[in-house]
């Protein structure tokens, strides 16, 4: 799921090339995504905000978030 979100972020960066506020948001998300364990370390409200900025439907937010913080997805560095 994390890689899927990174791909969505890249696509949105391309789409928002001429929309500075949205491009800035997507660039910040890209920086957060440099840490593959970011969803384990950030507040749930921030995580949901990121998912919304990535256009994840409201009805899927909880499911996606729970998958992202599943212990099997934690990566040892």
PDB file of N, CA and C in Angstrom:
ATOM      1  N   UNK A   1       0.827  -1.196   0.000  1.00  0.00           N
ATOM      2  CA  UNK A   1       0.000   0.000   0.000  1.00  0.00           C
ATOM      3  C   UNK A   1       0.873   1.262   0.000  1.00  0.00           C
ATOM      4  N   UNK A   2       1.970   1.219   0.781  1.00  0.00           N
ATOM      5  CA  UNK A   2       2.835   2.395   0.853  1.00  0.00           C
ATOM      6  C   UNK A   2       3.374   2.758  -0.530  1.00  0.00           C
ATOM      7  N   UNK A   3       3.798   1.764  -1.282  1.00  0.00           N
ATOM      8  CA  UNK A   3       4.316   2.041  -2.637  1.00  0.00           C
ATOM      9  C   UNK A   3       3.217   2.587  -3.543  1.00  0.00           C
ATOM     10  N   UNK A   4       2.008   2.100  -3.372  1.00  0.00           N
ATOM     11  CA  UNK A   4       0.885   2.620  -4.153  1.00  0.00           C
ATOM     12  C   UNK A   4       0.674   4.103  -3.850  1.00  0.00           C
ATOM     13  N   UNK A   5       0.764   4.462  -2.575  1.00  0.00           N
ATOM     14  CA  UNK A   5       0.601   5.866  -2.187  1.00  0.00           C
ATOM     15  C   UNK A   5       1.728   6.732  -2.743  1.00  0.00           C
ATOM     16  N   UNK A   6       2.940   6.185  -2.762  1.00  0.00           N
ATOM     17  CA  UNK A   6       4.063   6.932  -3.341  1.00  0.00           C
ATOM     18  C   UNK A   6       3.827   7.180  -4.826  1.00  0.00           C
ATOM     19  N   UNK A   7       3.262   6.200  -5.518  1.00  0.00           N
ATOM     20  CA  UNK A   7       2.945   6.373  -6.942  1.00  0.00           C
ATOM     21  C   UNK A   7       1.854   7.419  -7.146  1.00  0.00           C
ATOM     22  N   UNK A   8       0.844   7.398  -6.302  1.00  0.00           N
ATOM     23  CA  UNK A   8      -0.215   8.410  -6.387  1.00  0.00           C
ATOM     24  C   UNK A   8       0.384   9.795  -6.180  1.00  0.00           C
ATOM     25  N   UNK A   9       1.271   9.910  -5.215  1.00  0.00           N
ATOM     26  CA  UNK A   9       1.939  11.182  -4.944  1.00  0.00           C
ATOM     27  C   UNK A   9       2.695  11.672  -6.173  1.00  0.00           C
ATOM     28  N   UNK A  10       3.418  10.794  -6.827  1.00  0.00           N
ATOM     29  CA  UNK A  10       4.165  11.172  -8.039  1.00  0.00           C
ATOM     30  C   UNK A  10       3.209  11.628  -9.152  1.00  0.00           C
ATOM     31  N   UNK A  11       2.109  10.918  -9.304  1.00  0.00           N
ATOM     32  CA  UNK A  11       1.125  11.300 -10.319  1.00  0.00           C
ATOM     33  C   UNK A  11       0.528  12.669 -10.021  1.00  0.00           C
ATOM     34  N   UNK A  12       0.209  12.910  -8.762  1.00  0.00           N
ATOM     35  CA  UNK A  12      -0.374  14.200  -8.385  1.00  0.00           C
ATOM     36  C   UNK A  12       0.645  15.332  -8.537  1.00  0.00           C
ATOM     37  N   UNK A  13       1.915  15.049  -8.294  1.00  0.00           N
ATOM     38  CA  UNK A  13       2.948  16.060  -8.525  1.00  0.00           C
ATOM     39  C   UNK A  13       2.949  16.491  -9.994  1.00  0.00           C
ATOM     40  N   UNK A  14       2.786  15.538 -10.886  1.00  0.00           N
ATOM     41  CA  UNK A  14       2.728  15.861 -12.317  1.00  0.00           C
ATOM     42  C   UNK A  14       1.453  16.634 -12.666  1.00  0.00           C
ATOM     43  N   UNK A  15       0.344  16.220 -12.098  1.00  0.00           N
ATOM     44  CA  UNK A  15      -0.931  16.878 -12.382  1.00  0.00           C
ATOM     45  C   UNK A  15      -0.928  18.319 -11.880  1.00  0.00           C
ATOM     46  N   UNK A  16      -0.324  18.539 -10.726  1.00  0.00           N
ATOM     47  CA  UNK A  16      -0.366  19.861 -10.090  1.00  0.00           C
ATOM     48  C   UNK A  16       0.838  20.742 -10.417  1.00  0.00           C
ATOM     49  N   UNK A  17       1.478  20.516 -11.536  1.00  0.00           N
ATOM     50  CA  UNK A  17       2.645  21.324 -11.904  1.00  0.00           C
ATOM     51  C   UNK A  17       2.335  22.816 -11.938  1.00  0.00           C
ATOM     52  N   UNK A  18       1.133  23.170 -12.351  1.00  0.00           N
ATOM     53  CA  UNK A  18       0.758  24.578 -12.475  1.00  0.00           C
ATOM     54  C   UNK A  18      -0.115  25.079 -11.322  1.00  0.00           C
ATOM     55  N   UNK A  19      -0.232  24.287 -10.282  1.00  0.00           N
ATOM     56  CA  UNK A  19      -1.044  24.650  -9.123  1.00  0.00           C
ATOM     57  C   UNK A  19      -0.125  24.653  -7.899  1.00  0.00           C
ATOM     58  N   UNK A  20       0.442  25.810  -7.614  1.00  0.00           N
ATOM     59  CA  UNK A  20       1.485  25.876  -6.580  1.00  0.00           C
ATOM     60  C   UNK A  20       1.051  25.375  -5.206  1.00  0.00           C
ATOM     61  N   UNK A  21      -0.106  25.773  -4.675  1.00  0.00           N
ATOM     62  CA  UNK A  21      -0.476  25.276  -3.336  1.00  0.00           C
ATOM     63  C   UNK A  21      -0.569  23.743  -3.273  1.00  0.00           C
ATOM     64  N   UNK A  22      -1.161  23.145  -4.286  1.00  0.00           N
ATOM     65  CA  UNK A  22      -1.275  21.680  -4.311  1.00  0.00           C
ATOM     66  C   UNK A  22       0.083  21.024  -4.537  1.00  0.00           C
ATOM     67  N   UNK A  23       0.894  21.631  -5.379  1.00  0.00           N
ATOM     68  CA  UNK A  23       2.236  21.092  -5.647  1.00  0.00           C
ATOM     69  C   UNK A  23       3.083  21.123  -4.372  1.00  0.00           C
ATOM     70  N   UNK A  24       2.975  22.201  -3.610  1.00  0.00           N
ATOM     71  CA  UNK A  24       3.726  22.308  -2.357  1.00  0.00           C
ATOM     72  C   UNK A  24       3.303  21.198  -1.394  1.00  0.00           C
ATOM     73  N   UNK A  25       1.988  20.957  -1.286  1.00  0.00           N
ATOM     74  CA  UNK A  25       1.487  19.881  -0.421  1.00  0.00           C
ATOM     75  C   UNK A  25       2.057  18.531  -0.850  1.00  0.00           C
ATOM     76  N   UNK A  26       2.018  18.277  -2.149  1.00  0.00           N
ATOM     77  CA  UNK A  26       2.507  16.992  -2.639  1.00  0.00           C
ATOM     78  C   UNK A  26       4.016  16.846  -2.439  1.00  0.00           C
ATOM     79  N   UNK A  27       4.754  17.943  -2.551  1.00  0.00           N
ATOM     80  CA  UNK A  27       6.192  17.886  -2.296  1.00  0.00           C
ATOM     81  C   UNK A  27       6.478  17.593  -0.826  1.00  0.00           C
ATOM     82  N   UNK A  28       5.670  18.159   0.065  1.00  0.00           N
ATOM     83  CA  UNK A  28       5.834  17.853   1.490  1.00  0.00           C
ATOM     84  C   UNK A  28       5.534  16.380   1.775  1.00  0.00           C
ATOM     85  N   UNK A  29       4.497  15.870   1.142  1.00  0.00           N
ATOM     86  CA  UNK A  29       4.166  14.445   1.299  1.00  0.00           C
ATOM     87  C   UNK A  29       5.317  13.593   0.781  1.00  0.00           C
ATOM     88  N   UNK A  30       5.892  13.989  -0.327  1.00  0.00           N
ATOM     89  CA  UNK A  30       7.032  13.242  -0.882  1.00  0.00           C
ATOM     90  C   UNK A  30       8.187  13.203   0.124  1.00  0.00           C
ATOM     91  N   UNK A  31       8.425  14.306   0.812  1.00  0.00           N
ATOM     92  CA  UNK A  31       9.475  14.334   1.835  1.00  0.00           C
ATOM     93  C   UNK A  31       9.142  13.394   2.997  1.00  0.00           C
ATOM     94  N   UNK A  32       7.898  13.406   3.430  1.00  0.00           N
ATOM     95  CA  UNK A  32       7.468  12.507   4.510  1.00  0.00           C
ATOM     96  C   UNK A  32       7.672  11.054   4.083  1.00  0.00           C
ATOM     97  N   UNK A  33       7.368  10.769   2.827  1.00  0.00           N
ATOM     98  CA  UNK A  33       7.456   9.397   2.314  1.00  0.00           C
ATOM     99  C   UNK A  33       8.885   8.890   2.160  1.00  0.00           C
ATOM    100  N   UNK A  34       9.862   9.737   2.381  1.00  0.00           N
ATOM    101  CA  UNK A  34      11.249   9.260   2.353  1.00  0.00           C
ATOM    102  C   UNK A  34      11.499   8.280   3.494  1.00  0.00           C
ATOM    103  N   UNK A  35      10.683   8.363   4.528  1.00  0.00           N
ATOM    104  CA  UNK A  35      10.755   7.430   5.650  1.00  0.00           C
ATOM    105  C   UNK A  35       9.679   6.374   5.440  1.00  0.00           C
ATOM    106  N   UNK A  36      10.068   5.142   5.121  1.00  0.00           N
ATOM    107  CA  UNK A  36       9.057   4.107   4.859  1.00  0.00           C
ATOM    108  C   UNK A  36       8.201   3.766   6.078  1.00  0.00           C
ATOM    109  N   UNK A  37       8.625   4.179   7.266  1.00  0.00           N
ATOM    110  CA  UNK A  37       7.851   3.941   8.483  1.00  0.00           C
ATOM    111  C   UNK A  37       7.097   5.184   8.943  1.00  0.00           C
ATOM    112  N   UNK A  38       6.930   6.135   8.053  1.00  0.00           N
ATOM    113  CA  UNK A  38       6.345   7.422   8.449  1.00  0.00           C
ATOM    114  C   UNK A  38       4.982   7.275   9.106  1.00  0.00           C
ATOM    115  N   UNK A  39       4.151   6.367   8.644  1.00  0.00           N
ATOM    116  CA  UNK A  39       2.808   6.250   9.212  1.00  0.00           C
ATOM    117  C   UNK A  39       2.819   5.676  10.626  1.00  0.00           C
ATOM    118  N   UNK A  40       3.919   5.035  11.003  1.00  0.00           N
ATOM    119  CA  UNK A  40       4.066   4.556  12.379  1.00  0.00           C
ATOM    120  C   UNK A  40       4.472   5.691  13.311  1.00  0.00           C
ATOM    121  N   UNK A  41       4.969   6.774  12.743  1.00  0.00           N
ATOM    122  CA  UNK A  41       5.562   7.839  13.545  1.00  0.00           C
ATOM    123  C   UNK A  41       4.744   9.127  13.586  1.00  0.00           C
ATOM    124  N   UNK A  42       3.762   9.271  12.720  1.00  0.00           N
ATOM    125  CA  UNK A  42       2.994  10.512  12.691  1.00  0.00           C
ATOM    126  C   UNK A  42       1.629  10.321  13.341  1.00  0.00           C
ATOM    127  N   UNK A  43       1.063  11.419  13.798  1.00  0.00           N
ATOM    128  CA  UNK A  43      -0.253  11.429  14.412  1.00  0.00           C
ATOM    129  C   UNK A  43      -1.313  10.956  13.410  1.00  0.00           C
ATOM    130  N   UNK A  44      -2.321  10.279  13.921  1.00  0.00           N
ATOM    131  CA  UNK A  44      -3.386   9.749  13.060  1.00  0.00           C
ATOM    132  C   UNK A  44      -4.070  10.857  12.259  1.00  0.00           C
ATOM    133  N   UNK A  45      -4.241  12.033  12.853  1.00  0.00           N
ATOM    134  CA  UNK A  45      -4.902  13.137  12.141  1.00  0.00           C
ATOM    135  C   UNK A  45      -4.066  13.613  10.962  1.00  0.00           C
ATOM    136  N   UNK A  46      -2.771  13.648  11.141  1.00  0.00           N
ATOM    137  CA  UNK A  46      -1.878  14.022  10.039  1.00  0.00           C
ATOM    138  C   UNK A  46      -1.900  12.938   8.965  1.00  0.00           C
ATOM    139  N   UNK A  47      -1.896  11.688   9.401  1.00  0.00           N
ATOM    140  CA  UNK A  47      -1.954  10.577   8.441  1.00  0.00           C
ATOM    141  C   UNK A  47      -3.225  10.659   7.600  1.00  0.00           C
ATOM    142  N   UNK A  48      -4.364  10.899   8.245  1.00  0.00           N
ATOM    143  CA  UNK A  48      -5.616  11.019   7.507  1.00  0.00           C
ATOM    144  C   UNK A  48      -5.580  12.208   6.554  1.00  0.00           C
ATOM    145  N   UNK A  49      -4.969  13.286   6.976  1.00  0.00           N
ATOM    146  CA  UNK A  49      -4.848  14.465   6.116  1.00  0.00           C
ATOM    147  C   UNK A  49      -4.024  14.146   4.872  1.00  0.00           C
ATOM    148  N   UNK A  50      -2.947  13.421   5.071  1.00  0.00           N
ATOM    149  CA  UNK A  50      -2.111  13.008   3.932  1.00  0.00           C
ATOM    150  C   UNK A  50      -2.921  12.132   2.988  1.00  0.00           C
ATOM    151  N   UNK A  51      -3.646  11.179   3.538  1.00  0.00           N
ATOM    152  CA  UNK A  51      -4.453  10.285   2.693  1.00  0.00           C
ATOM    153  C   UNK A  51      -5.511  11.071   1.926  1.00  0.00           C
ATOM    154  N   UNK A  52      -6.108  12.061   2.568  1.00  0.00           N
ATOM    155  CA  UNK A  52      -7.086  12.904   1.866  1.00  0.00           C
ATOM    156  C   UNK A  52      -6.407  13.698   0.745  1.00  0.00           C
ATOM    157  N   UNK A  53      -5.221  14.225   1.023  1.00  0.00           N
ATOM    158  CA  UNK A  53      -4.486  14.968  -0.007  1.00  0.00           C
ATOM    159  C   UNK A  53      -4.088  14.069  -1.181  1.00  0.00           C
ATOM    160  N   UNK A  54      -3.999  12.769  -0.922  1.00  0.00           N
ATOM    161  CA  UNK A  54      -3.705  11.804  -1.990  1.00  0.00           C
ATOM    162  C   UNK A  54      -4.977  11.292  -2.659  1.00  0.00           C
ATOM    163  N   UNK A  55      -6.106  11.914  -2.303  1.00  0.00           N
ATOM    164  CA  UNK A  55      -7.408  11.623  -2.923  1.00  0.00           C
ATOM    165  C   UNK A  55      -7.941  10.235  -2.592  1.00  0.00           C
ATOM    166  N   UNK A  56      -7.563   9.692  -1.441  1.00  0.00           N
ATOM    167  CA  UNK A  56      -8.145   8.429  -0.991  1.00  0.00           C
ATOM    168  C   UNK A  56      -9.582   8.731  -0.549  1.00  0.00           C
ATOM    169  N   UNK A  57     -10.553   7.989  -1.034  1.00  0.00           N
ATOM    170  CA  UNK A  57     -11.956   8.251  -0.666  1.00  0.00           C
ATOM    171  C   UNK A  57     -12.176   8.125   0.843  1.00  0.00           C
ATOM    172  N   UNK A  58     -13.037   8.974   1.378  1.00  0.00           N
ATOM    173  CA  UNK A  58     -13.349   8.973   2.817  1.00  0.00           C
ATOM    174  C   UNK A  58     -13.724   7.577   3.317  1.00  0.00           C
ATOM    175  N   UNK A  59     -14.467   6.848   2.500  1.00  0.00           N
ATOM    176  CA  UNK A  59     -14.936   5.525   2.919  1.00  0.00           C
ATOM    177  C   UNK A  59     -13.799   4.515   3.052  1.00  0.00           C
ATOM    178  N   UNK A  60     -12.644   4.822   2.488  1.00  0.00           N
ATOM    179  CA  UNK A  60     -11.505   3.899   2.524  1.00  0.00           C
ATOM    180  C   UNK A  60     -10.403   4.338   3.481  1.00  0.00           C
ATOM    181  N   UNK A  61     -10.527   5.511   4.072  1.00  0.00           N
ATOM    182  CA  UNK A  61      -9.448   6.057   4.908  1.00  0.00           C
ATOM    183  C   UNK A  61      -9.048   5.117   6.042  1.00  0.00           C
ATOM    184  N   UNK A  62     -10.016   4.645   6.795  1.00  0.00           N
ATOM    185  CA  UNK A  62      -9.703   3.791   7.948  1.00  0.00           C
ATOM    186  C   UNK A  62      -9.019   2.501   7.513  1.00  0.00           C
ATOM    187  N   UNK A  63      -9.545   1.863   6.479  1.00  0.00           N
ATOM    188  CA  UNK A  63      -8.973   0.612   5.993  1.00  0.00           C
ATOM    189  C   UNK A  63      -7.538   0.806   5.521  1.00  0.00           C
ATOM    190  N   UNK A  64      -7.309   1.859   4.749  1.00  0.00           N
ATOM    191  CA  UNK A  64      -5.962   2.139   4.233  1.00  0.00           C
ATOM    192  C   UNK A  64      -5.015   2.439   5.392  1.00  0.00           C
ATOM    193  N   UNK A  65      -5.461   3.267   6.321  1.00  0.00           N
ATOM    194  CA  UNK A  65      -4.612   3.619   7.454  1.00  0.00           C
ATOM    195  C   UNK A  65      -4.243   2.383   8.273  1.00  0.00           C
ATOM    196  N   UNK A  66      -5.226   1.543   8.560  1.00  0.00           N
ATOM    197  CA  UNK A  66      -4.953   0.336   9.347  1.00  0.00           C
ATOM    198  C   UNK A  66      -3.974  -0.590   8.627  1.00  0.00           C
ATOM    199  N   UNK A  67      -4.076  -0.659   7.327  1.00  0.00           N
ATOM    200  CA  UNK A  67      -3.120  -1.474   6.571  1.00  0.00           C
ATOM    201  C   UNK A  67      -1.714  -0.878   6.670  1.00  0.00           C
ATOM    202  N   UNK A  68      -1.623   0.433   6.583  1.00  0.00           N
ATOM    203  CA  UNK A  68      -0.318   1.096   6.645  1.00  0.00           C
ATOM    204  C   UNK A  68       0.377   0.912   7.983  1.00  0.00           C
ATOM    205  N   UNK A  69      -0.399   0.838   9.068  1.00  0.00           N
ATOM    206  CA  UNK A  69       0.219   0.705  10.393  1.00  0.00           C
ATOM    207  C   UNK A  69       0.227  -0.739  10.899  1.00  0.00           C
ATOM    208  N   UNK A  70      -0.096  -1.671  10.038  1.00  0.00           N
ATOM    209  CA  UNK A  70      -0.014  -3.086  10.406  1.00  0.00           C
ATOM    210  C   UNK A  70       1.457  -3.418  10.662  1.00  0.00           C
ATOM    211  N   UNK A  71       1.733  -4.115  11.748  1.00  0.00           N
ATOM    212  CA  UNK A  71       3.119  -4.410  12.135  1.00  0.00           C
ATOM    213  C   UNK A  71       3.897  -5.149  11.047  1.00  0.00           C
ATOM    214  N   UNK A  72       3.218  -5.887  10.201  1.00  0.00           N
ATOM    215  CA  UNK A  72       3.939  -6.605   9.126  1.00  0.00           C
ATOM    216  C   UNK A  72       4.530  -5.643   8.100  1.00  0.00           C
ATOM    217  N   UNK A  73       4.066  -4.399   8.108  1.00  0.00           N
ATOM    218  CA  UNK A  73       4.572  -3.410   7.157  1.00  0.00           C
ATOM    219  C   UNK A  73       5.698  -2.552   7.734  1.00  0.00           C
ATOM    220  N   UNK A  74       6.053  -2.779   8.992  1.00  0.00           N
ATOM    221  CA  UNK A  74       7.152  -2.016   9.582  1.00  0.00           C
ATOM    222  C   UNK A  74       8.477  -2.508   8.998  1.00  0.00           C
ATOM    223  N   UNK A  75       9.290  -1.568   8.599  1.00  0.00           N
ATOM    224  CA  UNK A  75      10.570  -1.932   7.983  1.00  0.00           C
ATOM    225  C   UNK A  75      11.712  -1.601   8.931  1.00  0.00           C
ATOM    226  N   UNK A  76      12.540  -2.602   9.201  1.00  0.00           N
ATOM    227  CA  UNK A  76      13.740  -2.354  10.009  1.00  0.00           C
ATOM    228  C   UNK A  76      14.789  -1.738   9.119  1.00  0.00           C
ATOM    229  N   UNK A  77      15.365  -0.664   9.599  1.00  0.00           N
ATOM    230  CA  UNK A  77      16.384   0.028   8.778  1.00  0.00           C
ATOM    231  C   UNK A  77      17.753  -0.535   8.993  1.00  0.00           C
TER     232      UNK A  77
END
